[in-house]
């Protein structure tokens, strides 16, 4: 579920969510699939992007690096004015 709050520099949260979902489907998940993992959008709230890692990425020791240096970098390259990229994964489960 995504919020439709209007953010002046980025467009609405819904617009950001659509861009993020497209980037995940076209670029990020194909790369993570080679390691048995995936990422999915949980929500966008006030331009902050909440993501969850799954499959082989969930609970992996390298998950933090994957999120920061892989997923976040890819998103910021294509959507430079997004807010925070937050890992909402429950890595303990």
Protein backbone atom coordinates (compact mmCIF):
# COMPACT_ATOMS: atom_id res chain seq x y z
CA UNK A 1 0.00 0.00 0.00
CA UNK A 2 1.37 3.40 -0.90
CA UNK A 3 0.50 6.85 0.32
CA UNK A 4 -0.51 9.51 -2.22
CA UNK A 5 0.92 12.50 -0.36
CA UNK A 6 2.26 15.20 -2.68
CA UNK A 7 5.98 15.92 -2.41
CA UNK A 8 7.03 19.07 -4.22
CA UNK A 9 10.42 17.93 -5.57
CA UNK A 10 9.57 14.30 -6.23
CA UNK A 11 5.93 14.11 -7.26
CA UNK A 12 3.47 12.07 -5.28
CA UNK A 13 4.41 9.04 -3.22
CA UNK A 14 2.36 7.01 -5.70
CA UNK A 15 4.52 8.27 -8.59
CA UNK A 16 7.67 7.39 -6.66
CA UNK A 17 6.25 3.94 -5.86
CA UNK A 18 5.54 3.28 -9.53
CA UNK A 19 9.09 4.26 -10.49
CA UNK A 20 10.60 2.15 -7.70
CA UNK A 21 8.51 -0.90 -8.64
CA UNK A 22 9.58 -0.56 -12.26
CA UNK A 23 13.28 -0.33 -11.34
CA UNK A 24 12.96 -3.30 -8.99
CA UNK A 25 11.30 -5.44 -11.67
CA UNK A 26 13.59 -4.45 -14.53
CA UNK A 27 16.99 -4.04 -12.88
CA UNK A 28 17.29 -5.04 -9.25
CA UNK A 29 15.42 -8.34 -8.97
CA UNK A 30 17.05 -9.87 -12.05
CA UNK A 31 20.44 -9.21 -10.42
CA UNK A 32 19.37 -10.59 -7.03
CA UNK A 33 17.76 -13.66 -8.58
CA UNK A 34 21.21 -15.08 -9.27
CA UNK A 35 21.67 -15.33 -5.50
CA UNK A 36 18.16 -16.64 -4.87
CA UNK A 37 16.92 -13.32 -3.51
CA UNK A 38 14.57 -10.50 -4.32
CA UNK A 39 13.43 -7.13 -3.02
CA UNK A 40 9.90 -5.77 -2.86
CA UNK A 41 8.46 -2.36 -2.14
CA UNK A 42 6.64 -2.21 1.17
CA UNK A 43 5.52 1.42 0.98
CA UNK A 44 6.49 4.98 0.13
CA UNK A 45 5.78 7.55 2.80
CA UNK A 46 6.82 11.22 2.57
CA UNK A 47 9.28 10.28 -0.22
CA UNK A 48 10.94 7.63 1.98
CA UNK A 49 11.09 4.21 0.35
CA UNK A 50 10.54 1.13 2.54
CA UNK A 51 11.82 -2.12 1.07
CA UNK A 52 11.86 -5.75 2.15
CA UNK A 53 14.43 -8.31 1.09
CA UNK A 54 13.31 -11.90 0.56
CA UNK A 55 14.48 -15.30 -0.56
CA UNK A 56 18.22 -15.81 -0.16
CA UNK A 57 18.69 -12.16 0.86
CA UNK A 58 16.52 -12.36 3.96
CA UNK A 59 18.79 -12.82 6.97
CA UNK A 60 21.93 -12.97 4.81
CA UNK A 61 25.08 -11.50 6.33
CA UNK A 62 25.52 -9.39 3.20
CA UNK A 63 21.95 -8.03 3.21
CA UNK A 64 22.92 -4.63 4.61
CA UNK A 65 25.58 -4.14 1.93
CA UNK A 66 23.19 -5.34 -0.78
CA UNK A 67 20.58 -2.85 0.34
CA UNK A 68 22.93 0.11 0.70
CA UNK A 69 25.41 -0.37 -2.13
CA UNK A 70 23.23 -2.24 -4.59
CA UNK A 71 19.56 -1.45 -4.19
CA UNK A 72 19.81 2.08 -2.77
CA UNK A 73 22.51 3.12 -5.23
CA UNK A 74 20.43 1.88 -8.19
CA UNK A 75 17.33 3.69 -6.96
CA UNK A 76 19.18 6.96 -6.28
CA UNK A 77 20.82 6.85 -9.71
CA UNK A 78 17.39 6.76 -11.36
CA UNK A 79 15.29 8.66 -8.78
CA UNK A 80 17.82 11.09 -7.26
CA UNK A 81 15.41 13.05 -5.05
CA UNK A 82 13.90 10.19 -3.08
CA UNK A 83 14.10 10.41 0.69
CA UNK A 84 15.59 7.66 2.80
CA UNK A 85 15.79 4.09 1.58
CA UNK A 86 14.79 1.97 4.57
CA UNK A 87 15.28 -1.75 4.97
CA UNK A 88 11.97 -2.89 6.50
CA UNK A 89 12.96 -6.58 6.41
CA UNK A 90 12.58 -8.65 9.55
CA UNK A 91 15.97 -10.35 9.29
CA UNK A 92 15.39 -12.32 12.48
CA UNK A 93 12.44 -14.30 11.09
